[in-house]
N, C-alpha and C. Protein backbone atom coordinates (compact mmCIF):
# COMPACT_ATOMS: atom_id res chain seq x y z
N UNK A 1 201.23 -84.78 -104.20
CA UNK A 1 199.98 -83.94 -103.71
C UNK A 1 199.28 -83.77 -105.08
N UNK A 2 197.98 -83.66 -104.73
CA UNK A 2 197.26 -83.88 -105.85
C UNK A 2 196.28 -82.27 -105.84
N UNK A 3 195.69 -81.96 -106.83
CA UNK A 3 195.00 -80.75 -107.10
C UNK A 3 194.04 -80.61 -105.92
N UNK A 4 193.33 -81.86 -105.52
CA UNK A 4 192.32 -81.92 -104.58
C UNK A 4 192.61 -81.42 -103.34
N UNK A 5 194.11 -82.04 -103.05
CA UNK A 5 194.65 -81.67 -101.81
C UNK A 5 194.74 -80.11 -101.47
N UNK A 6 195.36 -79.58 -102.66
CA UNK A 6 195.61 -78.23 -102.39
C UNK A 6 194.54 -77.42 -102.45
N UNK A 7 193.23 -77.79 -103.12
CA UNK A 7 192.28 -77.05 -103.28
C UNK A 7 191.53 -77.12 -101.85
N UNK A 8 191.77 -78.32 -101.24
CA UNK A 8 191.11 -78.48 -99.94
C UNK A 8 191.67 -77.29 -99.06
N UNK A 9 192.91 -77.10 -99.08
CA UNK A 9 193.73 -75.90 -98.33
C UNK A 9 193.38 -74.28 -98.48
N UNK A 10 193.02 -74.45 -99.94
CA UNK A 10 192.20 -72.98 -100.38
C UNK A 10 190.73 -73.10 -99.81
N UNK A 11 189.97 -74.19 -100.06
CA UNK A 11 188.59 -74.15 -99.22
C UNK A 11 188.79 -73.56 -97.52
N UNK A 12 189.81 -74.18 -97.00
CA UNK A 12 190.18 -73.85 -95.61
C UNK A 12 190.01 -72.33 -95.39
N UNK A 13 190.93 -71.63 -96.43
CA UNK A 13 191.05 -70.36 -96.45
C UNK A 13 189.68 -69.60 -96.75
N UNK A 14 188.93 -70.18 -97.81
CA UNK A 14 187.66 -69.37 -97.91
C UNK A 14 186.67 -69.56 -96.65
N UNK A 15 186.87 -70.58 -95.99
CA UNK A 15 186.11 -70.75 -94.63
C UNK A 15 186.49 -69.84 -93.53
N UNK A 16 187.87 -69.33 -93.51
CA UNK A 16 188.24 -68.20 -92.82
C UNK A 16 187.70 -66.89 -93.10
N UNK A 17 187.45 -66.70 -94.58
CA UNK A 17 186.88 -65.49 -95.18
C UNK A 17 185.35 -65.39 -94.40
N UNK A 18 184.84 -66.83 -94.73
CA UNK A 18 183.41 -66.76 -94.42
C UNK A 18 183.15 -66.45 -92.96
N UNK A 19 183.92 -66.97 -92.14
CA UNK A 19 183.80 -66.97 -90.55
C UNK A 19 183.99 -65.37 -90.08
N UNK A 20 184.92 -64.73 -91.04
CA UNK A 20 185.14 -63.21 -90.79
C UNK A 20 184.12 -62.34 -91.33
N UNK A 21 183.07 -63.03 -91.97
CA UNK A 21 182.15 -62.12 -92.62
C UNK A 21 182.37 -61.65 -94.13
N UNK A 22 183.29 -62.16 -94.51
CA UNK A 22 183.79 -61.84 -96.00
C UNK A 22 183.28 -62.91 -96.99
N UNK A 23 183.45 -62.37 -98.09
CA UNK A 23 183.17 -63.10 -99.49
C UNK A 23 184.02 -64.44 -99.31
N UNK A 24 183.58 -65.56 -99.42
CA UNK A 24 184.40 -66.76 -98.96
C UNK A 24 185.08 -67.38 -100.16
N UNK A 25 186.18 -66.64 -100.61
CA UNK A 25 187.35 -66.82 -101.45
C UNK A 25 188.47 -67.30 -100.88
N UNK A 26 188.88 -68.45 -101.14
CA UNK A 26 190.45 -68.69 -100.54
C UNK A 26 191.10 -69.15 -101.86
N UNK A 27 192.79 -68.97 -101.46
CA UNK A 27 193.60 -69.17 -102.48
C UNK A 27 194.93 -69.64 -101.61
N UNK A 28 195.55 -70.79 -102.39
CA UNK A 28 196.68 -71.08 -101.91
C UNK A 28 197.71 -71.18 -103.38
N UNK A 29 198.69 -71.15 -103.09
CA UNK A 29 200.00 -70.86 -104.36
C UNK A 29 200.79 -71.96 -103.79
N UNK A 30 201.22 -72.98 -104.64
CA UNK A 30 201.81 -74.09 -104.45
C UNK A 30 202.64 -74.51 -105.43
N UNK A 31 204.00 -75.17 -105.06
CA UNK A 31 204.75 -76.09 -106.22
C UNK A 31 204.24 -77.46 -105.95
N UNK A 32 204.86 -78.44 -106.50
CA UNK A 32 204.14 -79.90 -106.55
C UNK A 32 204.13 -80.31 -105.24
N UNK A 33 204.86 -79.90 -104.18
CA UNK A 33 204.93 -80.46 -102.92
C UNK A 33 204.27 -79.69 -101.70
N UNK A 34 204.58 -78.34 -101.54
CA UNK A 34 204.48 -77.44 -100.75
C UNK A 34 203.53 -76.16 -101.21
N UNK A 35 202.69 -75.72 -99.87
CA UNK A 35 202.19 -74.45 -99.92
C UNK A 35 203.16 -73.35 -99.73
N UNK A 36 203.28 -72.52 -100.77
CA UNK A 36 203.97 -71.58 -100.59
C UNK A 36 203.49 -70.12 -100.06
N UNK A 37 202.30 -69.77 -100.26
CA UNK A 37 201.67 -68.77 -99.59
C UNK A 37 200.08 -69.07 -99.56
N UNK A 38 199.15 -68.13 -99.02
CA UNK A 38 197.76 -68.53 -98.72
C UNK A 38 197.40 -67.10 -98.77
N UNK A 39 195.93 -67.03 -98.98
CA UNK A 39 195.29 -65.58 -98.58
C UNK A 39 193.66 -66.04 -98.77
N UNK A 40 192.90 -65.14 -98.32
CA UNK A 40 191.67 -65.14 -98.37
C UNK A 40 191.18 -63.68 -98.44
N UNK A 41 189.76 -63.66 -98.83
CA UNK A 41 189.15 -62.41 -99.38
C UNK A 41 188.96 -61.24 -98.13
N UNK A 42 189.43 -60.28 -98.42
CA UNK A 42 188.98 -59.08 -97.24
C UNK A 42 188.51 -58.01 -98.07
N UNK A 43 188.04 -56.94 -97.18
CA UNK A 43 187.15 -56.18 -97.75
C UNK A 43 185.78 -55.95 -98.32
N UNK A 44 185.21 -57.11 -98.13
CA UNK A 44 183.65 -57.06 -98.36
C UNK A 44 182.49 -56.78 -97.48
N UNK A 45 183.16 -56.44 -96.20
CA UNK A 45 182.24 -56.17 -95.15
C UNK A 45 183.24 -55.20 -94.34
N UNK A 46 182.34 -54.61 -93.33
CA UNK A 46 183.00 -53.63 -92.47
C UNK A 46 183.02 -52.10 -93.10
N UNK A 47 183.61 -51.42 -92.29
CA UNK A 47 183.69 -49.94 -92.69
C UNK A 47 184.63 -49.49 -93.51
N UNK A 48 185.55 -50.56 -93.84
CA UNK A 48 186.42 -50.02 -94.95
C UNK A 48 186.52 -51.02 -96.32
N UNK A 49 185.51 -51.31 -96.98
CA UNK A 49 185.28 -52.24 -97.85
C UNK A 49 186.06 -51.57 -99.18
N UNK A 50 186.60 -52.77 -99.78
CA UNK A 50 187.17 -52.37 -101.01
C UNK A 50 187.10 -53.62 -101.87
N UNK A 51 187.49 -53.46 -103.29
CA UNK A 51 187.66 -54.29 -104.60
C UNK A 51 188.79 -54.70 -104.60
N UNK A 52 189.81 -54.75 -103.97
CA UNK A 52 191.27 -54.92 -104.30
C UNK A 52 191.72 -56.22 -103.60
N UNK A 53 191.52 -56.25 -102.23
CA UNK A 53 191.97 -57.49 -101.55
C UNK A 53 191.39 -58.78 -101.90
N UNK A 54 191.44 -59.20 -102.99
CA UNK A 54 191.05 -60.60 -103.18
C UNK A 54 191.94 -61.51 -102.84
N UNK A 55 191.31 -62.75 -102.74
CA UNK A 55 192.23 -63.93 -102.27
C UNK A 55 193.50 -64.21 -102.93
N UNK A 56 193.57 -63.96 -104.37
CA UNK A 56 194.47 -64.17 -105.09
C UNK A 56 195.73 -63.11 -104.98
N UNK A 57 195.23 -61.81 -104.63
CA UNK A 57 196.15 -60.66 -104.56
C UNK A 57 196.94 -60.97 -103.04
N UNK A 58 196.20 -61.31 -102.36
CA UNK A 58 196.64 -61.38 -100.83
C UNK A 58 197.68 -62.68 -100.87
N UNK A 59 197.55 -63.79 -101.73
CA UNK A 59 198.23 -64.83 -101.78
C UNK A 59 199.64 -64.40 -102.57
N UNK A 60 199.38 -63.70 -103.78
CA UNK A 60 200.58 -63.18 -104.56
C UNK A 60 201.31 -62.07 -103.91
N UNK A 61 200.73 -61.51 -102.95
CA UNK A 61 201.59 -60.34 -102.16
C UNK A 61 202.45 -61.14 -101.36
N UNK A 62 201.90 -62.30 -100.60
CA UNK A 62 202.52 -63.14 -99.69
C UNK A 62 203.74 -64.14 -100.16
N UNK A 63 203.31 -64.41 -101.50
CA UNK A 63 204.46 -65.13 -102.29
C UNK A 63 205.75 -64.00 -102.86
N UNK A 64 205.25 -62.87 -102.99
CA UNK A 64 206.47 -61.91 -103.07
C UNK A 64 207.28 -61.68 -102.01
N UNK A 65 206.99 -61.95 -100.96
CA UNK A 65 207.86 -61.60 -99.72
C UNK A 65 208.37 -63.11 -99.48
N UNK A 66 208.29 -64.06 -100.36
CA UNK A 66 208.88 -65.38 -99.83
C UNK A 66 210.05 -65.39 -100.77
N UNK A 67 211.21 -65.18 -100.41
CA UNK A 67 212.31 -65.17 -101.13
C UNK A 67 212.84 -66.38 -101.68
N UNK A 68 212.44 -67.42 -101.22
CA UNK A 68 212.68 -68.74 -101.45
C UNK A 68 212.35 -69.35 -102.95
N UNK A 69 211.27 -68.69 -103.29
CA UNK A 69 210.63 -69.08 -104.60
C UNK A 69 211.59 -68.70 -105.97
N UNK A 70 212.08 -69.52 -106.80
CA UNK A 70 213.06 -69.42 -107.66
C UNK A 70 212.41 -69.35 -109.11
N UNK A 71 211.37 -70.24 -109.29
CA UNK A 71 210.94 -70.06 -110.55
C UNK A 71 209.41 -70.40 -110.39
N UNK A 72 208.51 -68.94 -110.53
CA UNK A 72 207.06 -69.01 -110.46
C UNK A 72 206.36 -69.86 -111.69
N UNK A 73 207.13 -70.24 -112.64
CA UNK A 73 206.42 -71.10 -113.83
C UNK A 73 206.20 -72.18 -113.19
N UNK A 74 206.65 -72.80 -112.19
CA UNK A 74 206.41 -74.13 -111.79
C UNK A 74 205.50 -74.25 -110.55
N UNK A 75 204.54 -73.06 -110.35
CA UNK A 75 203.73 -72.83 -109.34
C UNK A 75 202.39 -73.03 -110.10
N UNK A 76 201.39 -73.40 -109.00
CA UNK A 76 200.11 -73.53 -109.28
C UNK A 76 199.22 -72.60 -108.39
N UNK A 77 198.33 -71.92 -108.75
CA UNK A 77 197.45 -70.91 -108.17
C UNK A 77 196.27 -71.80 -107.70
N UNK A 78 195.79 -72.13 -106.53
CA UNK A 78 194.26 -72.58 -106.47
C UNK A 78 193.53 -71.67 -105.83
N UNK A 79 192.38 -71.54 -106.33
CA UNK A 79 191.43 -70.58 -105.76
C UNK A 79 189.86 -71.04 -105.80
N UNK A 80 189.11 -70.90 -104.89
CA UNK A 80 188.06 -71.62 -104.70
C UNK A 80 186.78 -70.88 -105.69
N UNK A 81 187.28 -69.67 -106.21
CA UNK A 81 186.51 -69.29 -107.41
C UNK A 81 187.29 -68.83 -108.40
N UNK A 82 186.88 -68.87 -109.60
CA UNK A 82 187.55 -68.54 -110.74
C UNK A 82 188.11 -67.24 -110.70
N UNK A 83 189.24 -66.91 -110.84
CA UNK A 83 189.75 -65.49 -110.77
C UNK A 83 189.19 -64.52 -111.58
N UNK A 84 189.16 -63.13 -111.05
CA UNK A 84 188.74 -62.14 -112.00
C UNK A 84 189.59 -61.74 -113.04
N UNK A 85 189.40 -60.60 -113.80
CA UNK A 85 190.30 -60.07 -114.64
C UNK A 85 191.53 -59.46 -113.96
N UNK A 86 191.48 -59.11 -112.74
CA UNK A 86 192.55 -58.39 -112.09
C UNK A 86 193.36 -59.35 -111.57
N UNK A 87 192.75 -60.30 -111.06
CA UNK A 87 193.62 -61.56 -110.24
C UNK A 87 194.14 -62.39 -111.43
N UNK A 88 193.47 -62.65 -112.55
CA UNK A 88 194.09 -63.45 -113.53
C UNK A 88 195.43 -62.56 -114.20
N UNK A 89 195.19 -61.35 -114.46
CA UNK A 89 196.31 -60.45 -114.94
C UNK A 89 197.54 -60.75 -114.14
N UNK A 90 197.37 -60.32 -112.90
CA UNK A 90 198.26 -60.52 -111.75
C UNK A 90 198.93 -61.63 -111.80
N UNK A 91 198.44 -62.74 -111.99
CA UNK A 91 198.89 -64.12 -111.95
C UNK A 91 199.90 -64.40 -113.05
N UNK A 92 199.21 -63.77 -114.22
CA UNK A 92 200.24 -63.95 -115.63
C UNK A 92 201.44 -63.06 -115.35
N UNK A 93 201.24 -61.84 -114.55
CA UNK A 93 202.66 -61.07 -114.32
C UNK A 93 203.43 -61.60 -113.57
N UNK A 94 202.89 -62.35 -112.62
CA UNK A 94 203.73 -63.07 -111.55
C UNK A 94 204.63 -64.22 -112.10
N UNK A 95 204.18 -64.74 -113.33
CA UNK A 95 204.64 -65.75 -114.02
C UNK A 95 204.21 -67.13 -113.50
N UNK A 96 203.12 -67.21 -113.07
CA UNK A 96 202.34 -68.34 -112.65
C UNK A 96 201.66 -68.76 -113.93
N UNK A 97 201.88 -70.02 -114.23
CA UNK A 97 201.44 -70.69 -115.56
C UNK A 97 200.22 -71.65 -115.43
N UNK A 98 199.76 -71.71 -114.24
CA UNK A 98 198.80 -73.02 -113.81
C UNK A 98 197.71 -72.47 -112.89
N UNK A 99 196.57 -72.24 -113.23
CA UNK A 99 195.54 -71.82 -112.20
C UNK A 99 194.69 -72.91 -112.20
N UNK A 100 194.41 -73.46 -110.91
CA UNK A 100 193.32 -74.59 -110.88
C UNK A 100 192.13 -73.64 -109.84
N UNK A 101 190.74 -73.60 -110.34
CA UNK A 101 189.80 -72.96 -109.56
C UNK A 101 188.63 -74.11 -109.23
N UNK A 102 187.85 -73.78 -108.32
CA UNK A 102 186.71 -74.81 -108.04
C UNK A 102 185.40 -74.27 -108.63
N UNK A 103 184.99 -73.21 -108.44
CA UNK A 103 183.70 -72.68 -108.71
C UNK A 103 183.71 -71.54 -109.83
N UNK A 104 182.82 -71.59 -110.84
CA UNK A 104 183.05 -70.53 -112.08
C UNK A 104 182.37 -69.32 -111.71
N UNK A 105 182.98 -68.19 -111.97
CA UNK A 105 182.29 -66.88 -111.77
C UNK A 105 181.85 -66.39 -113.11
N UNK A 106 180.58 -66.60 -113.16
CA UNK A 106 179.93 -66.26 -114.21
C UNK A 106 179.74 -64.99 -114.58
N UNK A 107 179.87 -63.93 -113.48
CA UNK A 107 179.72 -62.74 -113.39
C UNK A 107 180.98 -61.89 -113.88
N UNK A 108 182.01 -62.47 -113.35
CA UNK A 108 183.35 -61.73 -113.71
C UNK A 108 184.68 -62.57 -113.79
N UNK A 109 184.39 -63.70 -113.97
CA UNK A 109 185.64 -64.57 -114.45
C UNK A 109 186.35 -64.26 -115.24
N UNK A 110 187.70 -64.15 -115.12
CA UNK A 110 188.57 -63.66 -116.27
C UNK A 110 189.31 -64.65 -117.04
N UNK A 111 189.22 -66.10 -116.50
CA UNK A 111 190.24 -67.13 -117.24
C UNK A 111 189.85 -67.32 -118.64
N UNK A 112 188.56 -67.08 -118.98
CA UNK A 112 188.26 -67.68 -120.56
C UNK A 112 188.46 -66.35 -121.61
N UNK A 113 189.46 -65.46 -121.06
CA UNK A 113 189.84 -64.26 -121.94
C UNK A 113 190.51 -64.57 -123.06
N UNK A 114 190.40 -64.27 -124.19
CA UNK A 114 191.37 -64.57 -125.41
C UNK A 114 192.44 -63.63 -125.42
N UNK A 115 193.85 -64.39 -125.09
CA UNK A 115 195.12 -63.75 -124.85
C UNK A 115 195.69 -63.29 -126.36
N UNK A 116 195.12 -63.83 -127.20
CA UNK A 116 195.80 -63.69 -128.49
C UNK A 116 196.04 -62.38 -128.97
N UNK A 117 195.11 -61.54 -128.70
CA UNK A 117 195.39 -60.22 -129.11
C UNK A 117 195.80 -59.26 -128.12
N UNK A 118 196.43 -59.52 -127.22
CA UNK A 118 196.99 -58.81 -125.74
C UNK A 118 198.55 -58.68 -126.18
N UNK A 119 199.06 -57.97 -125.51
CA UNK A 119 200.44 -57.64 -125.80
C UNK A 119 201.25 -58.89 -125.45
N UNK A 120 202.56 -59.20 -125.62
CA UNK A 120 203.55 -60.50 -125.64
C UNK A 120 203.43 -60.83 -124.09
N UNK A 121 203.35 -60.11 -122.99
CA UNK A 121 203.65 -60.39 -121.78
C UNK A 121 202.42 -61.29 -121.49
N UNK A 122 201.16 -61.06 -122.16
CA UNK A 122 200.03 -61.95 -121.76
C UNK A 122 199.80 -63.18 -122.84
N UNK A 123 200.08 -62.67 -123.94
CA UNK A 123 199.73 -63.43 -125.07
C UNK A 123 200.71 -64.69 -125.11
N UNK A 124 202.01 -64.65 -124.47
CA UNK A 124 202.91 -65.69 -124.66
C UNK A 124 202.83 -66.45 -123.14
N UNK A 125 201.77 -66.29 -122.41
CA UNK A 125 201.81 -66.75 -121.13
C UNK A 125 201.55 -68.18 -120.92
N UNK A 126 201.11 -68.80 -122.02
CA UNK A 126 201.00 -70.29 -121.96
C UNK A 126 200.37 -70.82 -120.74
N UNK A 127 199.35 -69.92 -120.54
CA UNK A 127 198.48 -70.45 -119.08
C UNK A 127 197.88 -71.65 -119.26
N UNK A 128 197.93 -72.80 -118.29
CA UNK A 128 196.99 -73.71 -117.95
C UNK A 128 195.99 -73.33 -117.34
N UNK A 129 194.71 -73.79 -117.61
CA UNK A 129 193.57 -73.48 -116.50
C UNK A 129 192.84 -74.86 -116.40
N UNK A 130 192.47 -75.17 -114.92
CA UNK A 130 191.85 -76.52 -114.58
C UNK A 130 190.59 -76.02 -113.84
N UNK A 131 189.68 -76.05 -114.37
CA UNK A 131 188.27 -75.64 -113.79
C UNK A 131 187.83 -76.82 -112.84
N UNK A 132 186.77 -76.42 -111.93
CA UNK A 132 185.73 -77.20 -111.16
C UNK A 132 186.46 -78.33 -110.42
N UNK A 133 187.56 -78.18 -109.79
CA UNK A 133 188.19 -79.04 -108.76
C UNK A 133 187.56 -78.87 -107.40
N UNK A 134 186.81 -79.90 -106.87
CA UNK A 134 186.02 -79.51 -105.83
C UNK A 134 185.05 -78.58 -106.02
N UNK A 135 184.40 -78.35 -107.07
CA UNK A 135 183.32 -77.48 -107.48
C UNK A 135 182.23 -77.32 -106.31
N UNK A 136 181.64 -78.69 -106.06
CA UNK A 136 180.58 -78.82 -105.09
C UNK A 136 180.70 -78.20 -103.72
N UNK A 137 181.92 -78.49 -103.24
CA UNK A 137 182.34 -78.17 -101.93
C UNK A 137 182.15 -76.42 -101.95
N UNK A 138 183.15 -75.76 -102.79
CA UNK A 138 182.93 -74.31 -103.19
C UNK A 138 181.59 -73.78 -103.38
N UNK A 139 180.81 -74.35 -104.18
CA UNK A 139 179.74 -74.00 -104.37
C UNK A 139 178.66 -74.10 -103.16
N UNK A 140 178.90 -75.03 -102.12
CA UNK A 140 178.15 -75.01 -100.89
C UNK A 140 178.26 -73.87 -99.95
N UNK A 141 179.47 -73.32 -100.12
CA UNK A 141 179.94 -72.40 -99.09
C UNK A 141 179.40 -71.07 -99.75
N UNK A 142 179.51 -70.82 -101.06
CA UNK A 142 179.08 -69.64 -101.76
C UNK A 142 177.45 -69.62 -101.52
N UNK A 143 176.84 -70.95 -101.52
CA UNK A 143 175.14 -70.78 -101.30
C UNK A 143 174.94 -70.36 -99.90
N UNK A 144 175.74 -70.79 -99.01
CA UNK A 144 175.49 -70.45 -97.61
C UNK A 144 175.84 -68.99 -97.37
N UNK A 145 176.91 -68.58 -98.08
CA UNK A 145 176.97 -66.95 -97.94
C UNK A 145 175.86 -66.16 -98.41
N UNK A 146 175.48 -66.38 -99.86
CA UNK A 146 174.26 -65.58 -100.52
C UNK A 146 172.88 -65.78 -99.67
N UNK A 147 172.92 -67.02 -99.01
CA UNK A 147 171.72 -67.08 -98.46
C UNK A 147 171.46 -66.63 -97.08
N UNK A 148 172.58 -65.98 -96.63
CA UNK A 148 172.69 -65.35 -95.26
C UNK A 148 171.69 -64.07 -95.34
N UNK A 149 170.54 -64.09 -94.63
CA UNK A 149 169.72 -62.85 -94.61
C UNK A 149 170.52 -61.48 -94.38
N UNK A 150 171.57 -61.48 -93.66
CA UNK A 150 172.41 -60.19 -93.23
C UNK A 150 173.44 -59.62 -94.33
N UNK A 151 173.60 -60.65 -95.19
CA UNK A 151 174.47 -60.49 -96.26
C UNK A 151 174.15 -59.40 -97.47
N UNK A 152 174.73 -58.47 -97.67
CA UNK A 152 174.50 -57.70 -98.60
C UNK A 152 175.53 -57.55 -99.79
N UNK A 153 176.47 -58.30 -99.67
CA UNK A 153 177.61 -58.21 -100.63
C UNK A 153 176.98 -59.00 -102.07
N UNK A 154 177.26 -58.31 -103.01
CA UNK A 154 176.51 -59.12 -104.31
C UNK A 154 175.14 -59.55 -104.19
N UNK A 155 174.34 -59.01 -103.23
CA UNK A 155 173.13 -59.42 -103.09
C UNK A 155 172.13 -58.94 -104.44
N UNK A 156 171.37 -60.32 -104.72
CA UNK A 156 170.78 -60.02 -106.08
C UNK A 156 171.39 -59.81 -107.33
N UNK A 157 172.61 -59.87 -107.29
CA UNK A 157 173.53 -60.10 -108.41
C UNK A 157 173.29 -61.21 -109.32
N UNK A 158 173.87 -61.26 -110.52
CA UNK A 158 173.66 -62.41 -111.44
C UNK A 158 174.39 -63.47 -110.69
N UNK A 159 175.71 -63.36 -109.98
CA UNK A 159 176.32 -64.35 -109.39
C UNK A 159 175.76 -65.00 -108.30
N UNK A 160 174.86 -64.27 -107.47
CA UNK A 160 173.98 -64.69 -106.32
C UNK A 160 172.97 -65.75 -107.02
N UNK A 161 172.08 -65.19 -107.81
CA UNK A 161 170.89 -65.79 -108.39
C UNK A 161 171.39 -66.96 -109.18
N UNK A 162 172.56 -67.09 -109.71
CA UNK A 162 173.22 -68.10 -110.61
C UNK A 162 173.48 -69.45 -109.33
N UNK A 163 174.17 -68.91 -108.35
CA UNK A 163 174.57 -69.76 -107.24
C UNK A 163 173.39 -70.36 -106.59
N UNK A 164 172.56 -69.43 -106.03
CA UNK A 164 171.39 -70.15 -105.34
C UNK A 164 170.54 -71.04 -106.11
N UNK A 165 170.48 -70.74 -107.28
CA UNK A 165 169.59 -71.75 -108.40
C UNK A 165 170.45 -73.09 -108.54
N UNK A 166 171.65 -73.09 -108.13
CA UNK A 166 172.41 -74.48 -108.50
C UNK A 166 171.84 -75.69 -107.51
N UNK A 167 171.69 -77.04 -108.03
CA UNK A 167 171.32 -77.93 -107.05
C UNK A 167 172.57 -78.74 -106.83
């Protein structure tokens, strides 16, 4: 299985979020052969909005319920948008050492953080970051989301303006 294969599955999760009226972020966590957990963004629309139910957190929660996982260091987290600080930190704490993402989050992405000055749990993570796998497909979904006239999530934000300006 390739990074592109697993990112396609993450994009399918992002489409589920989009169709539910949510910010279109999807995530899968996989070993080299199998998807072990999935998640998509919740809480960006409706009466009970929140900034906690990110796709990565949903997938990490599902992974923790999967008792068959023996070594998280061999897993890869695939996400359609660069993880924020919360999700990046949760991935590190969970022991995942490889993150692949499609579209950069210029407003809140956390993968570029300098870990060298942080406590050992983070500093010694030896994380591998692989950006821009199927970036174009993810970008198109975000452009469609931000172009919707009834969307007000991150409306007129730096991320929305940057995304809509992409060609």
